[in-house]
Amino acid sequence: MAYSTCPKCNSHSFEMKEAEPANAMYKVNFVQCSSCGAVVGVMDYFNIGVLLRKLARALNINLDRVR
């Protein structure tokens, strides 16, 4: 099995770090190396899938029947 490796320090340990970048309207989650802090990815702060499902329920839409 392959292990994800930090491109900067070769560590295999990562963490999520919440941040609000300058001039940004929304917070984001950085995926960063636990050892050196190098950012290797960015994820939305909000889980878009969960928000869409809540909206569908509020609109009384059954997503299982939508294709």
PDB file of N, CA and C in Angstrom:
ATOM      1  N   MET A   1       0.834  -1.161   0.000  1.00  0.00           N
ATOM      2  CA  MET A   1       0.000   0.000   0.000  1.00  0.00           C
ATOM      3  C   MET A   1       0.893   1.244   0.000  1.00  0.00           C
ATOM      4  N   ALA A   2       0.533   2.213  -0.819  1.00  0.00           N
ATOM      5  CA  ALA A   2       1.282   3.469  -0.879  1.00  0.00           C
ATOM      6  C   ALA A   2       0.839   4.395   0.248  1.00  0.00           C
ATOM      7  N   TYR A   3       1.760   5.179   0.765  1.00  0.00           N
ATOM      8  CA  TYR A   3       1.457   6.152   1.816  1.00  0.00           C
ATOM      9  C   TYR A   3       1.650   7.557   1.271  1.00  0.00           C
ATOM     10  N   SER A   4       0.716   8.446   1.613  1.00  0.00           N
ATOM     11  CA  SER A   4       0.870   9.846   1.218  1.00  0.00           C
ATOM     12  C   SER A   4       2.097  10.423   1.907  1.00  0.00           C
ATOM     13  N   THR A   5       2.870  11.198   1.151  1.00  0.00           N
ATOM     14  CA  THR A   5       4.118  11.739   1.664  1.00  0.00           C
ATOM     15  C   THR A   5       4.174  13.244   1.446  1.00  0.00           C
ATOM     16  N   CYS A   6       4.589  13.973   2.452  1.00  0.00           N
ATOM     17  CA  CYS A   6       4.760  15.417   2.347  1.00  0.00           C
ATOM     18  C   CYS A   6       5.859  15.711   1.327  1.00  0.00           C
ATOM     19  N   PRO A   7       5.591  16.620   0.368  1.00  0.00           N
ATOM     20  CA  PRO A   7       6.617  16.929  -0.642  1.00  0.00           C
ATOM     21  C   PRO A   7       7.789  17.733  -0.088  1.00  0.00           C
ATOM     22  N   LYS A   8       7.636  18.282   1.106  1.00  0.00           N
ATOM     23  CA  LYS A   8       8.694  19.119   1.677  1.00  0.00           C
ATOM     24  C   LYS A   8       9.609  18.351   2.639  1.00  0.00           C
ATOM     25  N   CYS A   9       8.998  17.564   3.566  1.00  0.00           N
ATOM     26  CA  CYS A   9       9.811  16.926   4.606  1.00  0.00           C
ATOM     27  C   CYS A   9       9.712  15.394   4.623  1.00  0.00           C
ATOM     28  N   ASN A  10       8.928  14.824   3.712  1.00  0.00           N
ATOM     29  CA  ASN A  10       8.742  13.373   3.583  1.00  0.00           C
ATOM     30  C   ASN A  10       7.994  12.717   4.747  1.00  0.00           C
ATOM     31  N   SER A  11       7.306  13.496   5.566  1.00  0.00           N
ATOM     32  CA  SER A  11       6.489  12.951   6.653  1.00  0.00           C
ATOM     33  C   SER A  11       5.251  12.269   6.063  1.00  0.00           C
ATOM     34  N   HIS A  12       4.623  11.409   6.843  1.00  0.00           N
ATOM     35  CA  HIS A  12       3.410  10.710   6.406  1.00  0.00           C
ATOM     36  C   HIS A  12       2.198  11.086   7.254  1.00  0.00           C
ATOM     37  N   SER A  13       2.302  12.139   8.030  1.00  0.00           N
ATOM     38  CA  SER A  13       1.233  12.546   8.938  1.00  0.00           C
ATOM     39  C   SER A  13       0.652  13.889   8.494  1.00  0.00           C
ATOM     40  N   PHE A  14      -0.693  13.938   8.355  1.00  0.00           N
ATOM     41  CA  PHE A  14      -1.355  15.146   7.873  1.00  0.00           C
ATOM     42  C   PHE A  14      -2.486  15.534   8.814  1.00  0.00           C
ATOM     43  N   GLU A  15      -2.907  16.805   8.722  1.00  0.00           N
ATOM     44  CA  GLU A  15      -3.979  17.321   9.564  1.00  0.00           C
ATOM     45  C   GLU A  15      -4.779  18.362   8.795  1.00  0.00           C
ATOM     46  N   MET A  16      -5.986  18.643   9.296  1.00  0.00           N
ATOM     47  CA  MET A  16      -6.824  19.696   8.731  1.00  0.00           C
ATOM     48  C   MET A  16      -6.620  20.947   9.569  1.00  0.00           C
ATOM     49  N   LYS A  17      -6.473  22.085   8.914  1.00  0.00           N
ATOM     50  CA  LYS A  17      -6.293  23.357   9.608  1.00  0.00           C
ATOM     51  C   LYS A  17      -7.271  24.364   9.026  1.00  0.00           C
ATOM     52  N   GLU A  18      -8.196  24.849   9.858  1.00  0.00           N
ATOM     53  CA  GLU A  18      -9.182  25.842   9.425  1.00  0.00           C
ATOM     54  C   GLU A  18      -8.496  27.194   9.286  1.00  0.00           C
ATOM     55  N   ALA A  19      -8.814  27.915   8.201  1.00  0.00           N
ATOM     56  CA  ALA A  19      -8.217  29.225   7.974  1.00  0.00           C
ATOM     57  C   ALA A  19      -9.174  30.106   7.179  1.00  0.00           C
ATOM     58  N   GLU A  20      -8.999  31.403   7.316  1.00  0.00           N
ATOM     59  CA  GLU A  20      -9.744  32.373   6.512  1.00  0.00           C
ATOM     60  C   GLU A  20      -8.710  33.222   5.775  1.00  0.00           C
ATOM     61  N   PRO A  21      -8.398  32.855   4.524  1.00  0.00           N
ATOM     62  CA  PRO A  21      -7.381  33.590   3.778  1.00  0.00           C
ATOM     63  C   PRO A  21      -7.749  35.062   3.611  1.00  0.00           C
ATOM     64  N   ALA A  22      -6.746  35.913   3.510  1.00  0.00           N
ATOM     65  CA  ALA A  22      -6.964  37.342   3.315  1.00  0.00           C
ATOM     66  C   ALA A  22      -7.810  37.584   2.076  1.00  0.00           C
ATOM     67  N   ASN A  23      -8.743  38.512   2.188  1.00  0.00           N
ATOM     68  CA  ASN A  23      -9.637  38.909   1.094  1.00  0.00           C
ATOM     69  C   ASN A  23     -10.562  37.797   0.625  1.00  0.00           C
ATOM     70  N   ALA A  24     -10.745  36.756   1.425  1.00  0.00           N
ATOM     71  CA  ALA A  24     -11.644  35.651   1.068  1.00  0.00           C
ATOM     72  C   ALA A  24     -12.983  35.868   1.761  1.00  0.00           C
ATOM     73  N   MET A  25     -14.049  35.408   1.128  1.00  0.00           N
ATOM     74  CA  MET A  25     -15.384  35.541   1.707  1.00  0.00           C
ATOM     75  C   MET A  25     -15.717  34.378   2.626  1.00  0.00           C
ATOM     76  N   TYR A  26     -15.003  33.260   2.496  1.00  0.00           N
ATOM     77  CA  TYR A  26     -15.333  32.060   3.239  1.00  0.00           C
ATOM     78  C   TYR A  26     -14.091  31.436   3.853  1.00  0.00           C
ATOM     79  N   LYS A  27     -14.306  30.686   4.907  1.00  0.00           N
ATOM     80  CA  LYS A  27     -13.229  29.905   5.507  1.00  0.00           C
ATOM     81  C   LYS A  27     -12.961  28.691   4.626  1.00  0.00           C
ATOM     82  N   VAL A  28     -11.764  28.153   4.751  1.00  0.00           N
ATOM     83  CA  VAL A  28     -11.391  26.920   4.057  1.00  0.00           C
ATOM     84  C   VAL A  28     -10.668  26.017   5.042  1.00  0.00           C
ATOM     85  N   ASN A  29     -10.520  24.761   4.692  1.00  0.00           N
ATOM     86  CA  ASN A  29      -9.728  23.822   5.468  1.00  0.00           C
ATOM     87  C   ASN A  29      -8.500  23.453   4.660  1.00  0.00           C
ATOM     88  N   PHE A  30      -7.332  23.739   5.228  1.00  0.00           N
ATOM     89  CA  PHE A  30      -6.090  23.319   4.592  1.00  0.00           C
ATOM     90  C   PHE A  30      -5.755  21.914   5.050  1.00  0.00           C
ATOM     91  N   VAL A  31      -5.351  21.060   4.125  1.00  0.00           N
ATOM     92  CA  VAL A  31      -4.779  19.764   4.481  1.00  0.00           C
ATOM     93  C   VAL A  31      -3.280  20.028   4.496  1.00  0.00           C
ATOM     94  N   GLN A  32      -2.684  19.866   5.681  1.00  0.00           N
ATOM     95  CA  GLN A  32      -1.277  20.217   5.801  1.00  0.00           C
ATOM     96  C   GLN A  32      -0.496  19.148   6.534  1.00  0.00           C
ATOM     97  N   CYS A  33       0.795  19.163   6.317  1.00  0.00           N
ATOM     98  CA  CYS A  33       1.698  18.235   6.975  1.00  0.00           C
ATOM     99  C   CYS A  33       1.726  18.543   8.470  1.00  0.00           C
ATOM    100  N   SER A  34       1.580  17.514   9.288  1.00  0.00           N
ATOM    101  CA  SER A  34       1.602  17.699  10.745  1.00  0.00           C
ATOM    102  C   SER A  34       2.984  18.086  11.247  1.00  0.00           C
ATOM    103  N   SER A  35       4.008  17.743  10.499  1.00  0.00           N
ATOM    104  CA  SER A  35       5.383  18.021  10.938  1.00  0.00           C
ATOM    105  C   SER A  35       5.853  19.424  10.578  1.00  0.00           C
ATOM    106  N   CYS A  36       5.723  19.797   9.295  1.00  0.00           N
ATOM    107  CA  CYS A  36       6.284  21.072   8.846  1.00  0.00           C
ATOM    108  C   CYS A  36       5.246  22.115   8.467  1.00  0.00           C
ATOM    109  N   GLY A  37       3.966  21.714   8.335  1.00  0.00           N
ATOM    110  CA  GLY A  37       2.905  22.665   8.012  1.00  0.00           C
ATOM    111  C   GLY A  37       2.736  22.952   6.535  1.00  0.00           C
ATOM    112  N   ALA A  38       3.458  22.266   5.668  1.00  0.00           N
ATOM    113  CA  ALA A  38       3.319  22.473   4.229  1.00  0.00           C
ATOM    114  C   ALA A  38       1.899  22.118   3.804  1.00  0.00           C
ATOM    115  N   VAL A  39       1.243  23.007   3.070  1.00  0.00           N
ATOM    116  CA  VAL A  39      -0.122  22.770   2.602  1.00  0.00           C
ATOM    117  C   VAL A  39      -0.073  21.888   1.360  1.00  0.00           C
ATOM    118  N   VAL A  40      -0.830  20.790   1.401  1.00  0.00           N
ATOM    119  CA  VAL A  40      -0.859  19.867   0.264  1.00  0.00           C
ATOM    120  C   VAL A  40      -2.233  19.804  -0.393  1.00  0.00           C
ATOM    121  N   GLY A  41      -3.222  20.489   0.202  1.00  0.00           N
ATOM    122  CA  GLY A  41      -4.558  20.502  -0.376  1.00  0.00           C
ATOM    123  C   GLY A  41      -5.454  21.493   0.344  1.00  0.00           C
ATOM    124  N   VAL A  42      -6.549  21.842  -0.304  1.00  0.00           N
ATOM    125  CA  VAL A  42      -7.531  22.763   0.271  1.00  0.00           C
ATOM    126  C   VAL A  42      -8.910  22.171   0.068  1.00  0.00           C
ATOM    127  N   MET A  43      -9.735  22.235   1.113  1.00  0.00           N
ATOM    128  CA  MET A  43     -11.104  21.716   1.040  1.00  0.00           C
ATOM    129  C   MET A  43     -12.074  22.806   1.474  1.00  0.00           C
ATOM    130  N   ASP A  44     -13.298  22.728   0.972  1.00  0.00           N
ATOM    131  CA  ASP A  44     -14.332  23.668   1.395  1.00  0.00           C
ATOM    132  C   ASP A  44     -14.569  23.539   2.886  1.00  0.00           C
ATOM    133  N   TYR A  45     -14.870  24.646   3.540  1.00  0.00           N
ATOM    134  CA  TYR A  45     -15.164  24.641   4.970  1.00  0.00           C
ATOM    135  C   TYR A  45     -16.477  23.905   5.235  1.00  0.00           C
ATOM    136  N   PHE A  46     -17.460  24.146   4.373  1.00  0.00           N
ATOM    137  CA  PHE A  46     -18.760  23.494   4.506  1.00  0.00           C
ATOM    138  C   PHE A  46     -18.801  22.240   3.651  1.00  0.00           C
ATOM    139  N   ASN A  47     -19.492  21.213   4.132  1.00  0.00           N
ATOM    140  CA  ASN A  47     -19.678  19.994   3.363  1.00  0.00           C
ATOM    141  C   ASN A  47     -20.824  20.246   2.387  1.00  0.00           C
ATOM    142  N   ILE A  48     -20.504  20.454   1.122  1.00  0.00           N
ATOM    143  CA  ILE A  48     -21.497  20.818   0.109  1.00  0.00           C
ATOM    144  C   ILE A  48     -22.571  19.755  -0.034  1.00  0.00           C
ATOM    145  N   GLY A  49     -22.203  18.478   0.039  1.00  0.00           N
ATOM    146  CA  GLY A  49     -23.194  17.398  -0.074  1.00  0.00           C
ATOM    147  C   GLY A  49     -24.245  17.466   1.019  1.00  0.00           C
ATOM    148  N   VAL A  50     -23.822  17.724   2.247  1.00  0.00           N
ATOM    149  CA  VAL A  50     -24.761  17.826   3.369  1.00  0.00           C
ATOM    150  C   VAL A  50     -25.669  19.034   3.179  1.00  0.00           C
ATOM    151  N   LEU A  51     -25.104  20.160   2.742  1.00  0.00           N
ATOM    152  CA  LEU A  51     -25.917  21.353   2.521  1.00  0.00           C
ATOM    153  C   LEU A  51     -26.964  21.132   1.429  1.00  0.00           C
ATOM    154  N   LEU A  52     -26.590  20.432   0.353  1.00  0.00           N
ATOM    155  CA  LEU A  52     -27.545  20.159  -0.725  1.00  0.00           C
ATOM    156  C   LEU A  52     -28.667  19.234  -0.259  1.00  0.00           C
ATOM    157  N   ARG A  53     -28.319  18.238   0.539  1.00  0.00           N
ATOM    158  CA  ARG A  53     -29.341  17.323   1.046  1.00  0.00           C
ATOM    159  C   ARG A  53     -30.319  18.061   1.961  1.00  0.00           C
ATOM    160  N   LYS A  54     -29.822  18.958   2.805  1.00  0.00           N
ATOM    161  CA  LYS A  54     -30.694  19.756   3.677  1.00  0.00           C
ATOM    162  C   LYS A  54     -31.600  20.651   2.850  1.00  0.00           C
ATOM    163  N   LEU A  55     -31.055  21.251   1.802  1.00  0.00           N
ATOM    164  CA  LEU A  55     -31.850  22.102   0.925  1.00  0.00           C
ATOM    165  C   LEU A  55     -32.924  21.291   0.216  1.00  0.00           C
ATOM    166  N   ALA A  56     -32.577  20.107  -0.261  1.00  0.00           N
ATOM    167  CA  ALA A  56     -33.548  19.239  -0.936  1.00  0.00           C
ATOM    168  C   ALA A  56     -34.681  18.863   0.017  1.00  0.00           C
ATOM    169  N   ARG A  57     -34.325  18.545   1.273  1.00  0.00           N
ATOM    170  CA  ARG A  57     -35.372  18.218   2.254  1.00  0.00           C
ATOM    171  C   ARG A  57     -36.283  19.410   2.496  1.00  0.00           C
ATOM    172  N   ALA A  58     -35.679  20.606   2.590  1.00  0.00           N
ATOM    173  CA  ALA A  58     -36.467  21.815   2.815  1.00  0.00           C
ATOM    174  C   ALA A  58     -37.406  22.079   1.644  1.00  0.00           C
ATOM    175  N   LEU A  59     -36.982  21.697   0.437  1.00  0.00           N
ATOM    176  CA  LEU A  59     -37.819  21.877  -0.753  1.00  0.00           C
ATOM    177  C   LEU A  59     -38.697  20.659  -1.028  1.00  0.00           C
ATOM    178  N   ASN A  60     -38.611  19.671  -0.131  1.00  0.00           N
ATOM    179  CA  ASN A  60     -39.395  18.450  -0.256  1.00  0.00           C
ATOM    180  C   ASN A  60     -39.097  17.687  -1.550  1.00  0.00           C
ATOM    181  N   ILE A  61     -37.811  17.558  -1.865  1.00  0.00           N
ATOM    182  CA  ILE A  61     -37.360  16.819  -3.036  1.00  0.00           C
ATOM    183  C   ILE A  61     -36.718  15.523  -2.577  1.00  0.00           C
ATOM    184  N   ASN A  62     -37.147  14.405  -3.146  1.00  0.00           N
ATOM    185  CA  ASN A  62     -36.558  13.112  -2.826  1.00  0.00           C
ATOM    186  C   ASN A  62     -35.382  12.872  -3.768  1.00  0.00           C
ATOM    187  N   LEU A  63     -34.151  13.020  -3.246  1.00  0.00           N
ATOM    188  CA  LEU A  63     -32.969  12.901  -4.097  1.00  0.00           C
ATOM    189  C   LEU A  63     -32.756  11.496  -4.621  1.00  0.00           C
ATOM    190  N   ASP A  64     -33.295  10.485  -3.927  1.00  0.00           N
ATOM    191  CA  ASP A  64     -33.129   9.116  -4.388  1.00  0.00           C
ATOM    192  C   ASP A  64     -33.890   8.862  -5.685  1.00  0.00           C
ATOM    193  N   ARG A  65     -34.915   9.672  -5.965  1.00  0.00           N
ATOM    194  CA  ARG A  65     -35.705   9.481  -7.180  1.00  0.00           C
ATOM    195  C   ARG A  65     -35.219  10.369  -8.319  1.00  0.00           C
ATOM    196  N   VAL A  66     -34.315  11.320  -8.034  1.00  0.00           N
ATOM    197  CA  VAL A  66     -33.791  12.220  -9.057  1.00  0.00           C
ATOM    198  C   VAL A  66     -32.598  11.561  -9.738  1.00  0.00           C
ATOM    199  N   ARG A  67     -32.586  11.543 -11.034  1.00  0.00           N
ATOM    200  CA  ARG A  67     -31.457  10.962 -11.774  1.00  0.00           C
ATOM    201  C   ARG A  67     -30.978  11.894 -12.816  1.00  0.00           C
TER     202      ARG A  67
END
